[in-house]
Amino acid sequence: GTFNQFQKGDIIIDINQPLKYIPLLLSGHIKILREDHHGNELL
């Protein structure tokens, strides 16, 4: 695995991003969002 650190507000995975890795969360919290065609997000 590859270790990474992110600060509050950082995007870890973005919409339409090709996925070559999956995350295991070691510390902190992450929120998962969906986005509509107008850019509005929903938790």
Full PDB file with SEQRES, HELIX, SHEET, SSBOND, CRYST1, ORIGX, SCALE, CONECT and MASTER records, all heavy atoms in Angstrom:
SEQRES   1 A   43  GLY THR PHE ASN GLN PHE GLN LYS GLY ASP ILE ILE ILE          
SEQRES   2 A   43  ASP ILE ASN GLN PRO LEU LYS TYR ILE PRO LEU LEU LEU          
SEQRES   3 A   43  SER GLY HIS ILE LYS ILE LEU ARG GLU ASP HIS HIS GLY          
SEQRES   4 A   43  ASN GLU LEU LEU                                              
SHEET    1 AA1 2 ARG A  34  GLU A  35  0                                        
SHEET    2 AA1 2 GLU A  41  LEU A  42 -1                                        
CRYST1    1.000    1.000    1.000  90.00  90.00  90.00 P 1           1          
ORIGX1      1.000000  0.000000  0.000000        0.00000                         
ORIGX2      0.000000  1.000000  0.000000        0.00000                         
ORIGX3      0.000000  0.000000  1.000000        0.00000                         
SCALE1      1.000000  0.000000  0.000000        0.00000                         
SCALE2      0.000000  1.000000  0.000000        0.00000                         
SCALE3      0.000000  0.000000  1.000000        0.00000                         
ATOM      1  N   GLY A   1       0.805  -1.214   0.000  1.00  0.00           N  
ATOM      2  CA  GLY A   1       0.000   0.000   0.000  1.00  0.00           C  
ATOM      3  C   GLY A   1       0.842   1.268   0.000  1.00  0.00           C  
ATOM      4  O   GLY A   1       2.041   1.240   0.282  1.00  0.00           O  
ATOM      5  N   THR A   2       0.205   2.377  -0.315  1.00  0.00           N  
ATOM      6  CA  THR A   2       0.855   3.691  -0.317  1.00  0.00           C  
ATOM      7  C   THR A   2       0.177   4.561   0.736  1.00  0.00           C  
ATOM      8  O   THR A   2      -1.039   4.749   0.698  1.00  0.00           O  
ATOM      9  CB  THR A   2       0.734   4.363  -1.696  1.00  0.00           C  
ATOM     10  OG1 THR A   2       1.310   3.518  -2.685  1.00  0.00           O  
ATOM     11  CG2 THR A   2       1.433   5.715  -1.694  1.00  0.00           C  
ATOM     12  N   PHE A   3       0.963   5.098   1.652  1.00  0.00           N  
ATOM     13  CA  PHE A   3       0.415   5.942   2.712  1.00  0.00           C  
ATOM     14  C   PHE A   3       0.269   7.379   2.223  1.00  0.00           C  
ATOM     15  O   PHE A   3       1.164   7.914   1.575  1.00  0.00           O  
ATOM     16  CB  PHE A   3       1.303   5.904   3.955  1.00  0.00           C  
ATOM     17  CG  PHE A   3       1.251   4.601   4.702  1.00  0.00           C  
ATOM     18  CD1 PHE A   3       2.152   3.588   4.418  1.00  0.00           C  
ATOM     19  CD2 PHE A   3       0.294   4.389   5.685  1.00  0.00           C  
ATOM     20  CE1 PHE A   3       2.104   2.386   5.096  1.00  0.00           C  
ATOM     21  CE2 PHE A   3       0.235   3.193   6.368  1.00  0.00           C  
ATOM     22  CZ  PHE A   3       1.145   2.181   6.071  1.00  0.00           C  
ATOM     23  N   ASN A   4      -0.877   7.987   2.557  1.00  0.00           N  
ATOM     24  CA  ASN A   4      -1.134   9.382   2.187  1.00  0.00           C  
ATOM     25  C   ASN A   4      -1.788  10.105   3.354  1.00  0.00           C  
ATOM     26  O   ASN A   4      -2.523   9.489   4.150  1.00  0.00           O  
ATOM     27  CB  ASN A   4      -2.066   9.471   0.975  1.00  0.00           C  
ATOM     28  CG  ASN A   4      -1.364   9.120  -0.322  1.00  0.00           C  
ATOM     29  OD1 ASN A   4      -0.489   9.848  -0.769  1.00  0.00           O  
ATOM     30  ND2 ASN A   4      -1.726   7.992  -0.915  1.00  0.00           N  
ATOM     31  N   GLN A   5      -1.545  11.402   3.434  1.00  0.00           N  
ATOM     32  CA  GLN A   5      -2.183  12.244   4.437  1.00  0.00           C  
ATOM     33  C   GLN A   5      -2.908  13.384   3.736  1.00  0.00           C  
ATOM     34  O   GLN A   5      -2.422  13.926   2.736  1.00  0.00           O  
ATOM     35  CB  GLN A   5      -1.161  12.806   5.428  1.00  0.00           C  
ATOM     36  CG  GLN A   5      -0.549  11.741   6.332  1.00  0.00           C  
ATOM     37  CD  GLN A   5       0.377  12.340   7.377  1.00  0.00           C  
ATOM     38  OE1 GLN A   5       1.159  13.237   7.077  1.00  0.00           O  
ATOM     39  NE2 GLN A   5       0.296  11.836   8.599  1.00  0.00           N  
ATOM     40  N   PHE A   6      -4.086  13.724   4.249  1.00  0.00           N  
ATOM     41  CA  PHE A   6      -4.902  14.783   3.670  1.00  0.00           C  
ATOM     42  C   PHE A   6      -5.357  15.735   4.768  1.00  0.00           C  
ATOM     43  O   PHE A   6      -5.652  15.301   5.886  1.00  0.00           O  
ATOM     44  CB  PHE A   6      -6.134  14.183   2.966  1.00  0.00           C  
ATOM     45  CG  PHE A   6      -5.801  13.301   1.797  1.00  0.00           C  
ATOM     46  CD1 PHE A   6      -5.574  11.937   1.978  1.00  0.00           C  
ATOM     47  CD2 PHE A   6      -5.691  13.826   0.528  1.00  0.00           C  
ATOM     48  CE1 PHE A   6      -5.263  11.117   0.912  1.00  0.00           C  
ATOM     49  CE2 PHE A   6      -5.382  13.012  -0.551  1.00  0.00           C  
ATOM     50  CZ  PHE A   6      -5.163  11.655  -0.360  1.00  0.00           C  
ATOM     51  N   GLN A   7      -5.406  17.006   4.423  1.00  0.00           N  
ATOM     52  CA  GLN A   7      -5.901  18.002   5.363  1.00  0.00           C  
ATOM     53  C   GLN A   7      -7.407  18.175   5.186  1.00  0.00           C  
ATOM     54  O   GLN A   7      -7.977  17.812   4.147  1.00  0.00           O  
ATOM     55  CB  GLN A   7      -5.192  19.342   5.144  1.00  0.00           C  
ATOM     56  CG  GLN A   7      -3.707  19.296   5.460  1.00  0.00           C  
ATOM     57  CD  GLN A   7      -3.045  20.652   5.305  1.00  0.00           C  
ATOM     58  OE1 GLN A   7      -3.508  21.508   4.546  1.00  0.00           O  
ATOM     59  NE2 GLN A   7      -1.957  20.865   6.019  1.00  0.00           N  
ATOM     60  N   LYS A   8      -8.054  18.722   6.202  1.00  0.00           N  
ATOM     61  CA  LYS A   8      -9.496  18.955   6.145  1.00  0.00           C  
ATOM     62  C   LYS A   8      -9.853  19.741   4.881  1.00  0.00           C  
ATOM     63  O   LYS A   8      -9.239  20.757   4.578  1.00  0.00           O  
ATOM     64  CB  LYS A   8      -9.959  19.721   7.383  1.00  0.00           C  
ATOM     65  CG  LYS A   8     -11.448  20.019   7.397  1.00  0.00           C  
ATOM     66  CD  LYS A   8     -11.859  20.760   8.662  1.00  0.00           C  
ATOM     67  CE  LYS A   8     -13.361  21.064   8.643  1.00  0.00           C  
ATOM     68  NZ  LYS A   8     -13.807  21.772   9.868  1.00  0.00           N  
ATOM     69  N   GLY A   9     -10.845  19.231   4.146  1.00  0.00           N  
ATOM     70  CA  GLY A   9     -11.297  19.891   2.923  1.00  0.00           C  
ATOM     71  C   GLY A   9     -10.637  19.374   1.659  1.00  0.00           C  
ATOM     72  O   GLY A   9     -11.111  19.669   0.550  1.00  0.00           O  
ATOM     73  N   ASP A  10      -9.558  18.593   1.785  1.00  0.00           N  
ATOM     74  CA  ASP A  10      -8.893  18.038   0.603  1.00  0.00           C  
ATOM     75  C   ASP A  10      -9.786  17.005  -0.090  1.00  0.00           C  
ATOM     76  O   ASP A  10     -10.477  16.224   0.572  1.00  0.00           O  
ATOM     77  CB  ASP A  10      -7.582  17.350   0.987  1.00  0.00           C  
ATOM     78  CG  ASP A  10      -6.469  18.338   1.320  1.00  0.00           C  
ATOM     79  OD1 ASP A  10      -6.654  19.537   1.062  1.00  0.00           O  
ATOM     80  OD2 ASP A  10      -5.425  17.888   1.829  1.00  0.00           O  
ATOM     81  N   ILE A  11      -9.758  16.999  -1.417  1.00  0.00           N  
ATOM     82  CA  ILE A  11     -10.473  15.974  -2.189  1.00  0.00           C  
ATOM     83  C   ILE A  11      -9.565  14.758  -2.317  1.00  0.00           C  
ATOM     84  O   ILE A  11      -8.453  14.850  -2.841  1.00  0.00           O  
ATOM     85  CB  ILE A  11     -10.871  16.507  -3.578  1.00  0.00           C  
ATOM     86  CG1 ILE A  11     -11.882  17.655  -3.438  1.00  0.00           C  
ATOM     87  CG2 ILE A  11     -11.461  15.383  -4.429  1.00  0.00           C  
ATOM     88  CD1 ILE A  11     -12.267  18.301  -4.756  1.00  0.00           C  
ATOM     89  N   ILE A  12     -10.037  13.632  -1.834  1.00  0.00           N  
ATOM     90  CA  ILE A  12      -9.262  12.390  -1.856  1.00  0.00           C  
ATOM     91  C   ILE A  12      -9.553  11.607  -3.133  1.00  0.00           C  
ATOM     92  O   ILE A  12      -8.641  11.094  -3.778  1.00  0.00           O  
ATOM     93  CB  ILE A  12      -9.591  11.552  -0.612  1.00  0.00           C  
ATOM     94  CG1 ILE A  12      -9.201  12.340   0.652  1.00  0.00           C  
ATOM     95  CG2 ILE A  12      -8.877  10.197  -0.649  1.00  0.00           C  
ATOM     96  CD1 ILE A  12      -9.733  11.755   1.933  1.00  0.00           C  
ATOM     97  N   ILE A  13     -10.810  11.493  -3.477  1.00  0.00           N  
ATOM     98  CA  ILE A  13     -11.253  10.872  -4.735  1.00  0.00           C  
ATOM     99  C   ILE A  13     -12.268  11.816  -5.361  1.00  0.00           C  
ATOM    100  O   ILE A  13     -13.168  12.297  -4.666  1.00  0.00           O  
ATOM    101  CB  ILE A  13     -11.914   9.500  -4.503  1.00  0.00           C  
ATOM    102  CG1 ILE A  13     -10.937   8.526  -3.843  1.00  0.00           C  
ATOM    103  CG2 ILE A  13     -12.436   8.920  -5.814  1.00  0.00           C  
ATOM    104  CD1 ILE A  13     -11.585   7.221  -3.406  1.00  0.00           C  
ATOM    105  N   ASP A  14     -12.149  12.093  -6.647  1.00  0.00           N  
ATOM    106  CA  ASP A  14     -13.086  13.012  -7.286  1.00  0.00           C  
ATOM    107  C   ASP A  14     -13.956  12.267  -8.296  1.00  0.00           C  
ATOM    108  O   ASP A  14     -13.620  11.169  -8.759  1.00  0.00           O  
ATOM    109  CB  ASP A  14     -12.341  14.146  -7.992  1.00  0.00           C  
ATOM    110  CG  ASP A  14     -13.172  15.422  -8.037  1.00  0.00           C  
ATOM    111  OD1 ASP A  14     -14.361  15.383  -7.644  1.00  0.00           O  
ATOM    112  OD2 ASP A  14     -12.646  16.460  -8.465  1.00  0.00           O  
ATOM    113  N   ILE A  15     -15.073  12.891  -8.632  1.00  0.00           N  
ATOM    114  CA  ILE A  15     -15.998  12.320  -9.607  1.00  0.00           C  
ATOM    115  C   ILE A  15     -15.316  12.237 -10.981  1.00  0.00           C  
ATOM    116  O   ILE A  15     -14.595  13.157 -11.388  1.00  0.00           O  
ATOM    117  CB  ILE A  15     -17.278  13.170  -9.677  1.00  0.00           C  
ATOM    118  CG1 ILE A  15     -18.025  13.075  -8.339  1.00  0.00           C  
ATOM    119  CG2 ILE A  15     -18.185  12.729 -10.815  1.00  0.00           C  
ATOM    120  CD1 ILE A  15     -19.166  14.048  -8.198  1.00  0.00           C  
ATOM    121  N   ASN A  16     -15.514  11.106 -11.648  1.00  0.00           N  
ATOM    122  CA  ASN A  16     -14.940  10.807 -12.968  1.00  0.00           C  
ATOM    123  C   ASN A  16     -13.436  10.531 -12.932  1.00  0.00           C  
ATOM    124  O   ASN A  16     -12.799  10.424 -13.985  1.00  0.00           O  
ATOM    125  CB  ASN A  16     -15.225  11.933 -13.978  1.00  0.00           C  
ATOM    126  CG  ASN A  16     -16.688  11.982 -14.357  1.00  0.00           C  
ATOM    127  OD1 ASN A  16     -17.357  10.954 -14.448  1.00  0.00           O  
ATOM    128  ND2 ASN A  16     -17.210  13.184 -14.559  1.00  0.00           N  
ATOM    129  N   GLN A  17     -12.882  10.405 -11.746  1.00  0.00           N  
ATOM    130  CA  GLN A  17     -11.461  10.070 -11.627  1.00  0.00           C  
ATOM    131  C   GLN A  17     -11.256   8.569 -11.849  1.00  0.00           C  
ATOM    132  O   GLN A  17     -11.942   7.756 -11.239  1.00  0.00           O  
ATOM    133  CB  GLN A  17     -10.955  10.454 -10.236  1.00  0.00           C  
ATOM    134  CG  GLN A  17      -9.528  10.030  -9.938  1.00  0.00           C  
ATOM    135  CD  GLN A  17      -9.116  10.381  -8.520  1.00  0.00           C  
ATOM    136  OE1 GLN A  17      -9.594  11.350  -7.940  1.00  0.00           O  
ATOM    137  NE2 GLN A  17      -8.235   9.583  -7.940  1.00  0.00           N  
ATOM    138  N   PRO A  18     -10.329   8.183 -12.733  1.00  0.00           N  
ATOM    139  CA  PRO A  18     -10.021   6.744 -12.875  1.00  0.00           C  
ATOM    140  C   PRO A  18      -9.470   6.220 -11.555  1.00  0.00           C  
ATOM    141  O   PRO A  18      -8.636   6.869 -10.917  1.00  0.00           O  
ATOM    142  CB  PRO A  18      -8.954   6.718 -13.972  1.00  0.00           C  
ATOM    143  CG  PRO A  18      -9.104   8.024 -14.691  1.00  0.00           C  
ATOM    144  CD  PRO A  18      -9.548   9.014 -13.669  1.00  0.00           C  
ATOM    145  N   LEU A  19      -9.932   5.061 -11.127  1.00  0.00           N  
ATOM    146  CA  LEU A  19      -9.542   4.529  -9.828  1.00  0.00           C  
ATOM    147  C   LEU A  19      -8.551   3.386  -9.990  1.00  0.00           C  
ATOM    148  O   LEU A  19      -8.885   2.334 -10.540  1.00  0.00           O  
ATOM    149  CB  LEU A  19     -10.781   4.050  -9.070  1.00  0.00           C  
ATOM    150  CG  LEU A  19     -11.733   5.163  -8.613  1.00  0.00           C  
ATOM    151  CD1 LEU A  19     -12.978   4.577  -7.968  1.00  0.00           C  
ATOM    152  CD2 LEU A  19     -11.035   6.104  -7.645  1.00  0.00           C  
ATOM    153  N   LYS A  20      -7.334   3.602  -9.520  1.00  0.00           N  
ATOM    154  CA  LYS A  20      -6.302   2.570  -9.543  1.00  0.00           C  
ATOM    155  C   LYS A  20      -6.022   2.041  -8.141  1.00  0.00           C  
ATOM    156  O   LYS A  20      -5.306   1.048  -7.977  1.00  0.00           O  
ATOM    157  CB  LYS A  20      -5.013   3.134 -10.147  1.00  0.00           C  
ATOM    158  CG  LYS A  20      -5.179   3.615 -11.583  1.00  0.00           C  
ATOM    159  CD  LYS A  20      -3.883   4.168 -12.135  1.00  0.00           C  
ATOM    160  CE  LYS A  20      -4.048   4.655 -13.576  1.00  0.00           C  
ATOM    161  NZ  LYS A  20      -2.774   5.218 -14.115  1.00  0.00           N  
ATOM    162  N   TYR A  21      -6.572   2.729  -7.128  1.00  0.00           N  
ATOM    163  CA  TYR A  21      -6.370   2.348  -5.735  1.00  0.00           C  
ATOM    164  C   TYR A  21      -7.690   2.485  -4.991  1.00  0.00           C  
ATOM    165  O   TYR A  21      -8.564   3.244  -5.389  1.00  0.00           O  
ATOM    166  CB  TYR A  21      -5.329   3.255  -5.066  1.00  0.00           C  
ATOM    167  CG  TYR A  21      -3.978   3.258  -5.732  1.00  0.00           C  
ATOM    168  CD1 TYR A  21      -3.689   4.146  -6.772  1.00  0.00           C  
ATOM    169  CD2 TYR A  21      -2.979   2.379  -5.312  1.00  0.00           C  
ATOM    170  CE1 TYR A  21      -2.443   4.152  -7.380  1.00  0.00           C  
ATOM    171  CE2 TYR A  21      -1.736   2.380  -5.912  1.00  0.00           C  
ATOM    172  CZ  TYR A  21      -1.475   3.267  -6.945  1.00  0.00           C  
ATOM    173  OH  TYR A  21      -0.236   3.267  -7.547  1.00  0.00           O  
ATOM    174  N   ILE A  22      -7.822   1.754  -3.886  1.00  0.00           N  
ATOM    175  CA  ILE A  22      -8.941   1.968  -2.973  1.00  0.00           C  
ATOM    176  C   ILE A  22      -8.378   2.383  -1.622  1.00  0.00           C  
ATOM    177  O   ILE A  22      -7.287   1.956  -1.229  1.00  0.00           O  
ATOM    178  CB  ILE A  22      -9.831   0.719  -2.833  1.00  0.00           C  
ATOM    179  CG1 ILE A  22      -9.072  -0.419  -2.172  1.00  0.00           C  
ATOM    180  CG2 ILE A  22     -10.384   0.287  -4.160  1.00  0.00           C  
ATOM    181  CD1 ILE A  22      -9.910  -1.268  -1.287  1.00  0.00           C  
ATOM    182  N   PRO A  23      -9.101   3.229  -0.873  1.00  0.00           N  
ATOM    183  CA  PRO A  23      -8.569   3.750   0.383  1.00  0.00           C  
ATOM    184  C   PRO A  23      -8.993   2.927   1.598  1.00  0.00           C  
ATOM    185  O   PRO A  23     -10.136   2.491   1.710  1.00  0.00           O  
ATOM    186  CB  PRO A  23      -9.206   5.144   0.443  1.00  0.00           C  
ATOM    187  CG  PRO A  23     -10.550   4.957  -0.219  1.00  0.00           C  
ATOM    188  CD  PRO A  23     -10.340   3.915  -1.297  1.00  0.00           C  
ATOM    189  N   LEU A  24      -8.069   2.715   2.516  1.00  0.00           N  
ATOM    190  CA  LEU A  24      -8.385   2.257   3.861  1.00  0.00           C  
ATOM    191  C   LEU A  24      -8.074   3.413   4.799  1.00  0.00           C  
ATOM    192  O   LEU A  24      -6.952   3.927   4.806  1.00  0.00           O  
ATOM    193  CB  LEU A  24      -7.550   1.036   4.252  1.00  0.00           C  
ATOM    194  CG  LEU A  24      -7.779  -0.266   3.497  1.00  0.00           C  
ATOM    195  CD1 LEU A  24      -6.851  -1.355   4.052  1.00  0.00           C  
ATOM    196  CD2 LEU A  24      -9.219  -0.716   3.601  1.00  0.00           C  
ATOM    197  N   LEU A  25      -9.066   3.844   5.569  1.00  0.00           N  
ATOM    198  CA  LEU A  25      -8.913   5.023   6.415  1.00  0.00           C  
ATOM    199  C   LEU A  25      -8.269   4.633   7.744  1.00  0.00           C  
ATOM    200  O   LEU A  25      -8.798   3.810   8.488  1.00  0.00           O  
ATOM    201  CB  LEU A  25     -10.276   5.673   6.638  1.00  0.00           C  
ATOM    202  CG  LEU A  25     -10.301   6.987   7.414  1.00  0.00           C  
ATOM    203  CD1 LEU A  25      -9.394   8.030   6.765  1.00  0.00           C  
ATOM    204  CD2 LEU A  25     -11.731   7.522   7.491  1.00  0.00           C  
ATOM    205  N   LEU A  26      -7.113   5.223   8.038  1.00  0.00           N  
ATOM    206  CA  LEU A  26      -6.373   4.925   9.263  1.00  0.00           C  
ATOM    207  C   LEU A  26      -6.712   5.894  10.389  1.00  0.00           C  
ATOM    208  O   LEU A  26      -6.774   5.507  11.559  1.00  0.00           O  
ATOM    209  CB  LEU A  26      -4.864   4.968   8.990  1.00  0.00           C  
ATOM    210  CG  LEU A  26      -4.352   3.989   7.940  1.00  0.00           C  
ATOM    211  CD1 LEU A  26      -2.859   4.206   7.685  1.00  0.00           C  
ATOM    212  CD2 LEU A  26      -4.596   2.555   8.371  1.00  0.00           C  
ATOM    213  N   SER A  27      -6.912   7.154  10.037  1.00  0.00           N  
ATOM    214  CA  SER A  27      -7.290   8.148  11.045  1.00  0.00           C  
ATOM    215  C   SER A  27      -8.060   9.272  10.363  1.00  0.00           C  
ATOM    216  O   SER A  27      -7.921   9.497   9.158  1.00  0.00           O  
ATOM    217  CB  SER A  27      -6.052   8.718  11.757  1.00  0.00           C  
ATOM    218  OG  SER A  27      -5.252   9.475  10.857  1.00  0.00           O  
ATOM    219  N   GLY A  28      -8.898   9.967  11.147  1.00  0.00           N  
ATOM    220  CA  GLY A  28      -9.688  11.068  10.600  1.00  0.00           C  
ATOM    221  C   GLY A  28     -11.067  10.617  10.152  1.00  0.00           C  
ATOM    222  O   GLY A  28     -11.500   9.501  10.447  1.00  0.00           O  
ATOM    223  N   HIS A  29     -11.732  11.497   9.405  1.00  0.00           N  
ATOM    224  CA  HIS A  29     -13.075  11.228   8.888  1.00  0.00           C  
ATOM    225  C   HIS A  29     -13.144  11.673   7.433  1.00  0.00           C  
ATOM    226  O   HIS A  29     -12.501  12.653   7.043  1.00  0.00           O  
ATOM    227  CB  HIS A  29     -14.142  11.984   9.685  1.00  0.00           C  
ATOM    228  CG  HIS A  29     -14.264  11.552  11.101  1.00  0.00           C  
ATOM    229  ND1 HIS A  29     -14.733  12.384  12.093  1.00  0.00           N  
ATOM    230  CD2 HIS A  29     -13.976  10.380  11.706  1.00  0.00           C  
ATOM    231  CE1 HIS A  29     -14.730  11.741  13.244  1.00  0.00           C  
ATOM    232  NE2 HIS A  29     -14.268  10.534  13.033  1.00  0.00           N  
ATOM    233  N   ILE A  30     -13.947  10.981   6.636  1.00  0.00           N  
ATOM    234  CA  ILE A  30     -14.157  11.326   5.230  1.00  0.00           C  
ATOM    235  C   ILE A  30     -15.652  11.366   4.961  1.00  0.00           C  
ATOM    236  O   ILE A  30     -16.400  10.540   5.482  1.00  0.00           O  
ATOM    237  CB  ILE A  30     -13.499  10.285   4.301  1.00  0.00           C  
ATOM    238  CG1 ILE A  30     -11.985  10.287   4.481  1.00  0.00           C  
ATOM    239  CG2 ILE A  30     -13.850  10.555   2.833  1.00  0.00           C  
ATOM    240  CD1 ILE A  30     -11.290   9.177   3.720  1.00  0.00           C  
ATOM    241  N   LYS A  31     -16.106  12.331   4.169  1.00  0.00           N  
ATOM    242  CA  LYS A  31     -17.501  12.328   3.737  1.00  0.00           C  
ATOM    243  C   LYS A  31     -17.574  12.000   2.250  1.00  0.00           C  
ATOM    244  O   LYS A  31     -16.722  12.427   1.462  1.00  0.00           O  
ATOM    245  CB  LYS A  31     -18.203  13.645   4.049  1.00  0.00           C  
ATOM    246  CG  LYS A  31     -17.644  14.895   3.402  1.00  0.00           C  
ATOM    247  CD  LYS A  31     -18.444  16.106   3.869  1.00  0.00           C  
ATOM    248  CE  LYS A  31     -17.893  17.408   3.281  1.00  0.00           C  
ATOM    249  NZ  LYS A  31     -18.667  18.584   3.751  1.00  0.00           N  
ATOM    250  N   ILE A  32     -18.565  11.195   1.902  1.00  0.00           N  
ATOM    251  CA  ILE A  32     -18.768  10.737   0.533  1.00  0.00           C  
ATOM    252  C   ILE A  32     -19.959  11.486  -0.049  1.00  0.00           C  
ATOM    253  O   ILE A  32     -21.050  11.493   0.528  1.00  0.00           O  
ATOM    254  CB  ILE A  32     -19.023   9.220   0.488  1.00  0.00           C  
ATOM    255  CG1 ILE A  32     -17.891   8.468   1.199  1.00  0.00           C  
ATOM    256  CG2 ILE A  32     -19.172   8.751  -0.950  1.00  0.00           C  
ATOM    257  CD1 ILE A  32     -16.521   8.698   0.607  1.00  0.00           C  
ATOM    258  N   LEU A  33     -19.747  12.125  -1.206  1.00  0.00           N  
ATOM    259  CA  LEU A  33     -20.739  13.015  -1.812  1.00  0.00           C  
ATOM    260  C   LEU A  33     -21.069  12.584  -3.233  1.00  0.00           C  
ATOM    261  O   LEU A  33     -20.231  12.020  -3.938  1.00  0.00           O  
ATOM    262  CB  LEU A  33     -20.204  14.451  -1.840  1.00  0.00           C  
ATOM    263  CG  LEU A  33     -19.714  15.048  -0.520  1.00  0.00           C  
ATOM    264  CD1 LEU A  33     -18.796  16.226  -0.776  1.00  0.00           C  
ATOM    265  CD2 LEU A  33     -20.891  15.478   0.338  1.00  0.00           C  
ATOM    266  N   ARG A  34     -22.297  12.881  -3.634  1.00  0.00           N  
ATOM    267  CA  ARG A  34     -22.706  12.793  -5.034  1.00  0.00           C  
ATOM    268  C   ARG A  34     -22.931  14.208  -5.550  1.00  0.00           C  
ATOM    269  O   ARG A  34     -23.160  15.135  -4.771  1.00  0.00           O  
ATOM    270  CB  ARG A  34     -23.992  11.973  -5.167  1.00  0.00           C  
ATOM    271  CG  ARG A  34     -23.772  10.480  -5.086  1.00  0.00           C  
ATOM    272  CD  ARG A  34     -23.243   9.898  -6.378  1.00  0.00           C  
ATOM    273  NE  ARG A  34     -24.260   9.906  -7.432  1.00  0.00           N  
ATOM    274  CZ  ARG A  34     -23.978   9.870  -8.731  1.00  0.00           C  
ATOM    275  NH1 ARG A  34     -22.736   9.864  -9.150  1.00  0.00           N  
ATOM    276  NH2 ARG A  34     -24.949   9.845  -9.613  1.00  0.00           N  
ATOM    277  N   GLU A  35     -22.874  14.372  -6.877  1.00  0.00           N  
ATOM    278  CA  GLU A  35     -23.029  15.698  -7.476  1.00  0.00           C  
ATOM    279  C   GLU A  35     -24.014  15.612  -8.637  1.00  0.00           C  
ATOM    280  O   GLU A  35     -23.975  14.659  -9.430  1.00  0.00           O  
ATOM    281  CB  GLU A  35     -21.669  16.194  -7.965  1.00  0.00           C  
ATOM    282  CG  GLU A  35     -21.681  17.605  -8.518  1.00  0.00           C  
ATOM    283  CD  GLU A  35     -20.307  18.033  -8.999  1.00  0.00           C  
ATOM    284  OE1 GLU A  35     -19.943  17.663 -10.135  1.00  0.00           O  
ATOM    285  OE2 GLU A  35     -19.602  18.710  -8.243  1.00  0.00           O  
ATOM    286  N   ASP A  36     -24.915  16.630  -8.731  1.00  0.00           N  
ATOM    287  CA  ASP A  36     -25.846  16.647  -9.853  1.00  0.00           C  
ATOM    288  C   ASP A  36     -25.229  17.393 -11.037  1.00  0.00           C  
ATOM    289  O   ASP A  36     -24.072  17.829 -10.995  1.00  0.00           O  
ATOM    290  CB  ASP A  36     -27.201  17.243  -9.434  1.00  0.00           C  
ATOM    291  CG  ASP A  36     -27.121  18.728  -9.082  1.00  0.00           C  
ATOM    292  OD1 ASP A  36     -26.111  19.397  -9.422  1.00  0.00           O  
ATOM    293  OD2 ASP A  36     -28.068  19.245  -8.455  1.00  0.00           O  
ATOM    294  N   HIS A  37     -26.013  17.555 -12.101  1.00  0.00           N  
ATOM    295  CA  HIS A  37     -25.492  18.173 -13.329  1.00  0.00           C  
ATOM    296  C   HIS A  37     -25.195  19.662 -13.159  1.00  0.00           C  
ATOM    297  O   HIS A  37     -24.516  20.252 -14.003  1.00  0.00           O  
ATOM    298  CB  HIS A  37     -26.487  17.975 -14.475  1.00  0.00           C  
ATOM    299  CG  HIS A  37     -26.707  16.542 -14.855  1.00  0.00           C  
ATOM    300  ND1 HIS A  37     -25.695  15.723 -15.315  1.00  0.00           N  
ATOM    301  CD2 HIS A  37     -27.818  15.757 -14.820  1.00  0.00           C  
ATOM    302  CE1 HIS A  37     -26.159  14.521 -15.564  1.00  0.00           C  
ATOM    303  NE2 HIS A  37     -27.455  14.505 -15.260  1.00  0.00           N  
ATOM    304  N   HIS A  38     -25.708  20.256 -12.092  1.00  0.00           N  
ATOM    305  CA  HIS A  38     -25.474  21.683 -11.838  1.00  0.00           C  
ATOM    306  C   HIS A  38     -24.351  21.913 -10.835  1.00  0.00           C  
ATOM    307  O   HIS A  38     -24.098  23.047 -10.439  1.00  0.00           O  
ATOM    308  CB  HIS A  38     -26.760  22.331 -11.330  1.00  0.00           C  
ATOM    309  CG  HIS A  38     -27.937  22.175 -12.254  1.00  0.00           C  
ATOM    310  ND1 HIS A  38     -28.020  22.843 -13.465  1.00  0.00           N  
ATOM    311  CD2 HIS A  38     -29.062  21.419 -12.161  1.00  0.00           C  
ATOM    312  CE1 HIS A  38     -29.147  22.512 -14.076  1.00  0.00           C  
ATOM    313  NE2 HIS A  38     -29.802  21.645 -13.303  1.00  0.00           N  
ATOM    314  N   GLY A  39     -23.688  20.856 -10.412  1.00  0.00           N  
ATOM    315  CA  GLY A  39     -22.585  20.994  -9.469  1.00  0.00           C  
ATOM    316  C   GLY A  39     -23.002  20.997  -8.011  1.00  0.00           C  
ATOM    317  O   GLY A  39     -22.161  21.233  -7.139  1.00  0.00           O  
ATOM    318  N   ASN A  40     -24.285  20.751  -7.723  1.00  0.00           N  
ATOM    319  CA  ASN A  40     -24.750  20.704  -6.336  1.00  0.00           C  
ATOM    320  C   ASN A  40     -24.422  19.339  -5.730  1.00  0.00           C  
ATOM    321  O   ASN A  40     -24.617  18.308  -6.366  1.00  0.00           O  
ATOM    322  CB  ASN A  40     -26.266  20.946  -6.272  1.00  0.00           C  
ATOM    323  CG  ASN A  40     -26.656  22.297  -6.835  1.00  0.00           C  
ATOM    324  OD1 ASN A  40     -26.104  23.316  -6.450  1.00  0.00           O  
ATOM    325  ND2 ASN A  40     -27.592  22.297  -7.770  1.00  0.00           N  
ATOM    326  N   GLU A  41     -23.934  19.361  -4.491  1.00  0.00           N  
ATOM    327  CA  GLU A  41     -23.516  18.128  -3.836  1.00  0.00           C  
ATOM    328  C   GLU A  41     -24.570  17.642  -2.846  1.00  0.00           C  
ATOM    329  O   GLU A  41     -25.346  18.425  -2.303  1.00  0.00           O  
ATOM    330  CB  GLU A  41     -22.192  18.348  -3.091  1.00  0.00           C  
ATOM    331  CG  GLU A  41     -21.016  18.636  -4.010  1.00  0.00           C  
ATOM    332  CD  GLU A  41     -19.742  18.900  -3.257  1.00  0.00           C  
ATOM    333  OE1 GLU A  41     -19.812  19.361  -2.093  1.00  0.00           O  
ATOM    334  OE2 GLU A  41     -18.661  18.659  -3.818  1.00  0.00           O  
ATOM    335  N   LEU A  42     -24.561  16.336  -2.599  1.00  0.00           N  
ATOM    336  CA  LEU A  42     -25.437  15.727  -1.613  1.00  0.00           C  
ATOM    337  C   LEU A  42     -24.630  14.707  -0.822  1.00  0.00           C  
ATOM    338  O   LEU A  42     -23.969  13.845  -1.396  1.00  0.00           O  
ATOM    339  CB  LEU A  42     -26.619  15.025  -2.283  1.00  0.00           C  
ATOM    340  CG  LEU A  42     -27.569  14.264  -1.341  1.00  0.00           C  
ATOM    341  CD1 LEU A  42     -28.304  15.246  -0.429  1.00  0.00           C  
ATOM    342  CD2 LEU A  42     -28.568  13.430  -2.134  1.00  0.00           C  
ATOM    343  N   LEU A  43     -24.674  14.831   0.506  1.00  0.00           N  
ATOM    344  CA  LEU A  43     -23.965  13.894   1.368  1.00  0.00           C  
ATOM    345  C   LEU A  43     -24.612  12.512   1.298  1.00  0.00           C  
ATOM    346  O   LEU A  43     -25.829  12.382   1.436  1.00  0.00           O  
ATOM    347  CB  LEU A  43     -23.988  14.405   2.810  1.00  0.00           C  
ATOM    348  CG  LEU A  43     -23.395  13.477   3.866  1.00  0.00           C  
ATOM    349  CD1 LEU A  43     -21.889  13.341   3.679  1.00  0.00           C  
ATOM    350  CD2 LEU A  43     -23.721  13.979   5.265  1.00  0.00           C  
TER     351      LEU A  43                                                      
MASTER        0    0    0    0    2    0    0    6  350    1    0    4          
END                                                                             
